[in-house]
Amino acid sequence: MIQHVALEVREADAAACERFWALLGFERVEPPATLRDRAVWVERRGTQVHLLFAEEPVAPREGHVAVVAEDYGATLDRLRAAGHDPQPGTEHWGSPRSFVRCPAGHLVEIMRFAPGAGA
């Protein structure tokens, strides 16, 4: 299991990013005191996304974070209702997949199940 991934965001985008990750089941957790003024952290089942403040954040063009959403259809519905536009991807491992960009521009893959866990 990956414990965390760090994504660069503008501080002004942090609240919108936190709301985006909440749609995927992540909740805010407190970073260590030494990082509170330069990051927002969110967590779901032991995996954290660290939103690190950067004046000129970089979002890789193709690199992405993949999130398993057992409630795949409902997750896509929540994203759409919040104004995000998940795009269907090619099914891999028998799992439906969609891609969406977070408010900071990072590509996020939503998967119904992880490789090896499907039908």
N, C-alpha and C. Protein backbone atom coordinates (compact mmCIF):
# COMPACT_ATOMS: atom_id res chain seq x y z
N MET A 1 0.84 -1.18 0.00
CA MET A 1 0.00 0.00 0.00
C MET A 1 0.88 1.24 0.00
N ILE A 2 0.53 2.20 -0.81
CA ILE A 2 1.22 3.49 -0.80
C ILE A 2 0.61 4.31 0.33
N GLN A 3 1.46 4.89 1.16
CA GLN A 3 0.97 5.68 2.30
C GLN A 3 0.54 7.06 1.87
N HIS A 4 1.33 7.70 0.99
CA HIS A 4 0.90 9.03 0.55
C HIS A 4 1.53 9.40 -0.79
N VAL A 5 0.91 10.36 -1.41
CA VAL A 5 1.43 10.99 -2.61
C VAL A 5 1.33 12.49 -2.37
N ALA A 6 2.30 13.23 -2.89
CA ALA A 6 2.29 14.68 -2.74
C ALA A 6 2.03 15.32 -4.10
N LEU A 7 1.08 16.25 -4.12
CA LEU A 7 0.73 16.97 -5.34
C LEU A 7 0.89 18.46 -5.09
N GLU A 8 1.52 19.15 -6.03
CA GLU A 8 1.69 20.59 -5.90
C GLU A 8 0.40 21.31 -6.31
N VAL A 9 -0.01 22.28 -5.50
CA VAL A 9 -1.19 23.10 -5.79
C VAL A 9 -0.90 24.53 -5.36
N ARG A 10 -1.60 25.46 -5.98
CA ARG A 10 -1.55 26.85 -5.48
C ARG A 10 -2.32 26.89 -4.17
N GLU A 11 -1.84 27.66 -3.23
CA GLU A 11 -2.54 27.76 -1.95
C GLU A 11 -3.98 28.21 -2.18
N ALA A 12 -4.21 29.07 -3.14
CA ALA A 12 -5.56 29.56 -3.43
C ALA A 12 -6.48 28.45 -3.94
N ASP A 13 -5.92 27.36 -4.46
CA ASP A 13 -6.71 26.22 -4.96
C ASP A 13 -6.91 25.13 -3.92
N ALA A 14 -6.29 25.26 -2.77
CA ALA A 14 -6.30 24.17 -1.78
C ALA A 14 -7.71 23.81 -1.32
N ALA A 15 -8.56 24.77 -1.06
CA ALA A 15 -9.92 24.47 -0.59
C ALA A 15 -10.71 23.73 -1.66
N ALA A 16 -10.60 24.16 -2.91
CA ALA A 16 -11.30 23.48 -4.01
C ALA A 16 -10.76 22.06 -4.18
N CYS A 17 -9.46 21.90 -4.03
CA CYS A 17 -8.87 20.56 -4.13
C CYS A 17 -9.34 19.67 -2.98
N GLU A 18 -9.41 20.22 -1.79
CA GLU A 18 -9.91 19.45 -0.65
C GLU A 18 -11.34 19.00 -0.90
N ARG A 19 -12.19 19.86 -1.44
CA ARG A 19 -13.57 19.48 -1.77
C ARG A 19 -13.60 18.40 -2.85
N PHE A 20 -12.73 18.50 -3.84
CA PHE A 20 -12.64 17.48 -4.89
C PHE A 20 -12.30 16.12 -4.28
N TRP A 21 -11.27 16.06 -3.46
CA TRP A 21 -10.85 14.78 -2.87
C TRP A 21 -11.92 14.24 -1.93
N ALA A 22 -12.70 15.11 -1.31
CA ALA A 22 -13.81 14.64 -0.46
C ALA A 22 -14.83 13.88 -1.29
N LEU A 23 -15.02 14.25 -2.55
CA LEU A 23 -15.94 13.52 -3.43
C LEU A 23 -15.47 12.08 -3.66
N LEU A 24 -14.18 11.84 -3.46
CA LEU A 24 -13.60 10.51 -3.62
C LEU A 24 -13.43 9.79 -2.29
N GLY A 25 -14.00 10.36 -1.23
CA GLY A 25 -13.98 9.70 0.07
C GLY A 25 -12.82 10.08 0.98
N PHE A 26 -12.07 11.11 0.62
CA PHE A 26 -10.94 11.54 1.44
C PHE A 26 -11.39 12.61 2.42
N GLU A 27 -10.87 12.55 3.64
CA GLU A 27 -11.17 13.54 4.67
C GLU A 27 -9.90 14.24 5.11
N ARG A 28 -10.06 15.49 5.49
CA ARG A 28 -8.90 16.27 5.92
C ARG A 28 -8.31 15.69 7.20
N VAL A 29 -7.00 15.63 7.24
CA VAL A 29 -6.25 15.26 8.45
C VAL A 29 -5.20 16.34 8.67
N GLU A 30 -4.79 16.48 9.89
CA GLU A 30 -3.81 17.51 10.21
C GLU A 30 -2.40 17.06 9.90
N PRO A 31 -1.66 17.84 9.13
CA PRO A 31 -0.24 17.54 8.92
C PRO A 31 0.54 17.89 10.19
N PRO A 32 1.79 17.48 10.27
CA PRO A 32 2.62 17.89 11.40
C PRO A 32 2.66 19.41 11.49
N ALA A 33 2.85 19.92 12.68
CA ALA A 33 2.85 21.36 12.91
C ALA A 33 3.80 22.10 11.98
N THR A 34 4.93 21.49 11.66
CA THR A 34 5.92 22.16 10.80
C THR A 34 5.46 22.28 9.35
N LEU A 35 4.38 21.60 8.96
CA LEU A 35 3.90 21.65 7.58
C LEU A 35 2.55 22.33 7.42
N ARG A 36 1.91 22.69 8.52
CA ARG A 36 0.55 23.24 8.45
C ARG A 36 0.42 24.51 7.64
N ASP A 37 1.48 25.29 7.57
CA ASP A 37 1.38 26.55 6.82
C ASP A 37 1.74 26.38 5.35
N ARG A 38 2.07 25.16 4.93
CA ARG A 38 2.43 24.96 3.53
C ARG A 38 1.81 23.73 2.87
N ALA A 39 0.76 23.16 3.52
CA ALA A 39 0.13 21.98 2.94
C ALA A 39 -1.23 21.72 3.56
N VAL A 40 -2.07 21.03 2.80
CA VAL A 40 -3.33 20.46 3.28
C VAL A 40 -3.22 18.97 3.01
N TRP A 41 -3.58 18.16 4.00
CA TRP A 41 -3.53 16.72 3.83
C TRP A 41 -4.94 16.15 3.90
N VAL A 42 -5.22 15.17 3.04
CA VAL A 42 -6.48 14.43 3.08
C VAL A 42 -6.15 12.94 3.09
N GLU A 43 -7.07 12.14 3.67
CA GLU A 43 -6.78 10.72 3.85
C GLU A 43 -8.04 9.88 3.64
N ARG A 44 -7.84 8.70 3.08
CA ARG A 44 -8.89 7.70 2.96
C ARG A 44 -8.27 6.34 3.22
N ARG A 45 -8.75 5.66 4.25
CA ARG A 45 -8.30 4.30 4.59
C ARG A 45 -6.78 4.15 4.61
N GLY A 46 -6.10 5.07 5.24
CA GLY A 46 -4.65 4.96 5.41
C GLY A 46 -3.82 5.51 4.27
N THR A 47 -4.44 5.95 3.19
CA THR A 47 -3.70 6.56 2.09
C THR A 47 -3.96 8.06 2.11
N GLN A 48 -2.88 8.82 2.07
CA GLN A 48 -2.99 10.27 2.14
C GLN A 48 -2.60 10.92 0.82
N VAL A 49 -3.22 12.05 0.56
CA VAL A 49 -2.82 12.95 -0.52
C VAL A 49 -2.38 14.23 0.16
N HIS A 50 -1.13 14.59 -0.06
CA HIS A 50 -0.58 15.81 0.51
C HIS A 50 -0.62 16.89 -0.56
N LEU A 51 -1.40 17.91 -0.34
CA LEU A 51 -1.52 19.04 -1.26
C LEU A 51 -0.52 20.09 -0.81
N LEU A 52 0.60 20.12 -1.49
CA LEU A 52 1.71 21.01 -1.11
C LEU A 52 1.60 22.32 -1.86
N PHE A 53 1.65 23.42 -1.13
CA PHE A 53 1.53 24.73 -1.74
C PHE A 53 2.79 25.07 -2.54
N ALA A 54 2.56 25.54 -3.77
CA ALA A 54 3.67 25.96 -4.64
C ALA A 54 3.19 27.18 -5.42
N GLU A 55 4.09 28.14 -5.60
CA GLU A 55 3.73 29.33 -6.36
C GLU A 55 3.45 28.99 -7.82
N GLU A 56 4.22 28.07 -8.38
CA GLU A 56 4.02 27.63 -9.76
C GLU A 56 3.96 26.10 -9.76
N PRO A 57 2.82 25.54 -9.34
CA PRO A 57 2.72 24.08 -9.24
C PRO A 57 2.85 23.40 -10.60
N VAL A 58 3.36 22.19 -10.55
CA VAL A 58 3.50 21.38 -11.75
C VAL A 58 2.54 20.20 -11.64
N ALA A 59 1.74 20.02 -12.68
CA ALA A 59 0.85 18.86 -12.79
C ALA A 59 1.32 18.06 -14.00
N PRO A 60 1.85 16.86 -13.79
CA PRO A 60 2.32 16.07 -14.93
C PRO A 60 1.22 15.90 -15.98
N ARG A 61 1.59 15.93 -17.24
CA ARG A 61 0.61 15.82 -18.32
C ARG A 61 -0.07 14.46 -18.32
N GLU A 62 0.69 13.38 -18.13
CA GLU A 62 0.11 12.05 -18.17
C GLU A 62 0.18 11.30 -16.86
N GLY A 63 1.16 11.61 -16.03
CA GLY A 63 1.26 10.94 -14.73
C GLY A 63 -0.01 11.21 -13.94
N HIS A 64 -0.42 10.25 -13.11
CA HIS A 64 -1.69 10.43 -12.42
C HIS A 64 -1.75 9.62 -11.13
N VAL A 65 -2.75 9.96 -10.35
CA VAL A 65 -3.10 9.21 -9.14
C VAL A 65 -4.28 8.33 -9.51
N ALA A 66 -4.25 7.07 -9.12
CA ALA A 66 -5.38 6.17 -9.37
C ALA A 66 -6.07 5.86 -8.05
N VAL A 67 -7.40 5.96 -8.06
CA VAL A 67 -8.20 5.73 -6.86
C VAL A 67 -9.24 4.65 -7.17
N VAL A 68 -9.31 3.63 -6.33
CA VAL A 68 -10.35 2.61 -6.47
C VAL A 68 -11.61 3.14 -5.80
N ALA A 69 -12.72 3.09 -6.53
CA ALA A 69 -14.01 3.55 -6.01
C ALA A 69 -14.99 2.38 -6.13
N GLU A 70 -15.22 1.70 -5.01
CA GLU A 70 -16.14 0.57 -5.03
C GLU A 70 -17.53 1.00 -5.48
N ASP A 71 -17.90 2.22 -5.14
CA ASP A 71 -19.18 2.79 -5.59
C ASP A 71 -18.93 3.63 -6.85
N TYR A 72 -18.35 3.00 -7.84
CA TYR A 72 -17.86 3.64 -9.05
C TYR A 72 -18.90 4.58 -9.68
N GLY A 73 -20.08 4.08 -9.98
CA GLY A 73 -21.11 4.90 -10.62
C GLY A 73 -21.51 6.08 -9.77
N ALA A 74 -21.70 5.86 -8.47
CA ALA A 74 -22.08 6.94 -7.57
C ALA A 74 -20.96 7.98 -7.46
N THR A 75 -19.72 7.51 -7.48
CA THR A 75 -18.58 8.44 -7.43
C THR A 75 -18.58 9.34 -8.66
N LEU A 76 -18.77 8.74 -9.83
CA LEU A 76 -18.81 9.55 -11.06
C LEU A 76 -19.98 10.53 -11.01
N ASP A 77 -21.11 10.09 -10.48
CA ASP A 77 -22.28 10.98 -10.35
C ASP A 77 -21.97 12.16 -9.43
N ARG A 78 -21.28 11.90 -8.31
CA ARG A 78 -20.91 12.98 -7.38
C ARG A 78 -19.98 13.98 -8.07
N LEU A 79 -19.01 13.45 -8.81
CA LEU A 79 -18.08 14.32 -9.52
C LEU A 79 -18.81 15.21 -10.52
N ARG A 80 -19.70 14.61 -11.30
CA ARG A 80 -20.46 15.39 -12.29
C ARG A 80 -21.33 16.45 -11.61
N ALA A 81 -22.00 16.06 -10.54
CA ALA A 81 -22.88 17.00 -9.82
C ALA A 81 -22.09 18.18 -9.26
N ALA A 82 -20.81 17.96 -8.97
CA ALA A 82 -19.96 19.02 -8.44
C ALA A 82 -19.26 19.82 -9.54
N GLY A 83 -19.59 19.52 -10.80
CA GLY A 83 -19.03 20.29 -11.91
C GLY A 83 -17.77 19.73 -12.53
N HIS A 84 -17.39 18.53 -12.14
CA HIS A 84 -16.22 17.88 -12.75
C HIS A 84 -16.72 17.00 -13.88
N ASP A 85 -15.86 16.68 -14.83
CA ASP A 85 -16.29 15.96 -16.02
C ASP A 85 -15.44 14.71 -16.23
N PRO A 86 -15.73 13.62 -15.50
CA PRO A 86 -14.95 12.40 -15.71
C PRO A 86 -15.15 11.86 -17.12
N GLN A 87 -14.06 11.47 -17.75
CA GLN A 87 -14.10 10.93 -19.11
C GLN A 87 -13.80 9.44 -19.06
N PRO A 88 -14.60 8.63 -19.76
CA PRO A 88 -14.35 7.19 -19.74
C PRO A 88 -12.99 6.86 -20.34
N GLY A 89 -12.34 5.88 -19.74
CA GLY A 89 -11.06 5.38 -20.25
C GLY A 89 -11.25 3.95 -20.74
N THR A 90 -10.21 3.41 -21.31
CA THR A 90 -10.23 2.03 -21.76
C THR A 90 -10.31 1.11 -20.55
N GLU A 91 -11.18 0.12 -20.62
CA GLU A 91 -11.29 -0.83 -19.51
C GLU A 91 -10.03 -1.68 -19.46
N HIS A 92 -9.44 -1.78 -18.28
CA HIS A 92 -8.28 -2.64 -18.05
C HIS A 92 -8.61 -3.60 -16.92
N TRP A 93 -8.11 -4.81 -17.02
CA TRP A 93 -8.31 -5.84 -15.98
C TRP A 93 -9.79 -6.10 -15.73
N GLY A 94 -10.63 -5.79 -16.70
CA GLY A 94 -12.06 -5.95 -16.52
C GLY A 94 -12.69 -4.84 -15.71
N SER A 95 -11.92 -3.83 -15.36
CA SER A 95 -12.42 -2.73 -14.52
C SER A 95 -12.75 -1.50 -15.36
N PRO A 96 -13.97 -0.97 -15.20
CA PRO A 96 -14.24 0.33 -15.81
C PRO A 96 -13.32 1.38 -15.20
N ARG A 97 -12.94 2.36 -16.02
CA ARG A 97 -12.06 3.42 -15.56
C ARG A 97 -12.51 4.73 -16.18
N SER A 98 -12.33 5.79 -15.44
CA SER A 98 -12.58 7.14 -15.93
C SER A 98 -11.46 8.04 -15.45
N PHE A 99 -11.29 9.16 -16.13
CA PHE A 99 -10.25 10.12 -15.78
C PHE A 99 -10.88 11.49 -15.60
N VAL A 100 -10.37 12.22 -14.62
CA VAL A 100 -10.87 13.55 -14.33
C VAL A 100 -9.69 14.39 -13.82
N ARG A 101 -9.74 15.67 -14.02
CA ARG A 101 -8.70 16.56 -13.50
C ARG A 101 -9.20 17.23 -12.23
N CYS A 102 -8.35 17.28 -11.22
CA CYS A 102 -8.70 18.00 -9.99
C CYS A 102 -8.59 19.49 -10.27
N PRO A 103 -9.06 20.34 -9.36
CA PRO A 103 -9.01 21.79 -9.59
C PRO A 103 -7.60 22.33 -9.84
N ALA A 104 -6.57 21.63 -9.38
CA ALA A 104 -5.19 22.08 -9.60
C ALA A 104 -4.62 21.52 -10.91
N GLY A 105 -5.40 20.71 -11.63
CA GLY A 105 -4.95 20.20 -12.91
C GLY A 105 -4.36 18.81 -12.90
N HIS A 106 -4.28 18.18 -11.74
CA HIS A 106 -3.73 16.82 -11.68
C HIS A 106 -4.73 15.82 -12.24
N LEU A 107 -4.22 14.86 -13.02
CA LEU A 107 -5.05 13.82 -13.60
C LEU A 107 -5.30 12.74 -12.55
N VAL A 108 -6.57 12.37 -12.38
CA VAL A 108 -6.95 11.35 -11.40
C VAL A 108 -7.74 10.27 -12.13
N GLU A 109 -7.30 9.03 -11.98
CA GLU A 109 -7.98 7.88 -12.55
C GLU A 109 -8.91 7.30 -11.49
N ILE A 110 -10.16 7.07 -11.86
CA ILE A 110 -11.13 6.44 -10.98
C ILE A 110 -11.33 5.03 -11.52
N MET A 111 -11.11 4.02 -10.69
CA MET A 111 -11.24 2.62 -11.09
C MET A 111 -12.31 1.93 -10.27
N ARG A 112 -13.03 1.02 -10.86
CA ARG A 112 -14.04 0.24 -10.11
C ARG A 112 -13.34 -0.72 -9.14
N PHE A 113 -12.26 -1.35 -9.59
CA PHE A 113 -11.46 -2.19 -8.70
C PHE A 113 -10.03 -2.21 -9.19
N ALA A 114 -9.13 -2.63 -8.34
CA ALA A 114 -7.70 -2.63 -8.63
C ALA A 114 -7.32 -3.83 -9.49
N PRO A 115 -6.19 -3.75 -10.19
CA PRO A 115 -5.73 -4.90 -10.97
C PRO A 115 -5.69 -6.16 -10.11
N GLY A 116 -6.19 -7.25 -10.65
CA GLY A 116 -6.18 -8.52 -9.94
C GLY A 116 -7.32 -8.72 -8.98
N ALA A 117 -8.12 -7.68 -8.76
CA ALA A 117 -9.22 -7.77 -7.79
C ALA A 117 -10.56 -7.94 -8.47
N GLY A 118 -10.60 -7.91 -9.79
CA GLY A 118 -11.87 -7.93 -10.50
C GLY A 118 -12.37 -9.32 -10.85
N ALA A 119 -13.27 -9.32 -11.79
CA ALA A 119 -13.94 -10.55 -12.22
C ALA A 119 -13.00 -11.56 -12.82
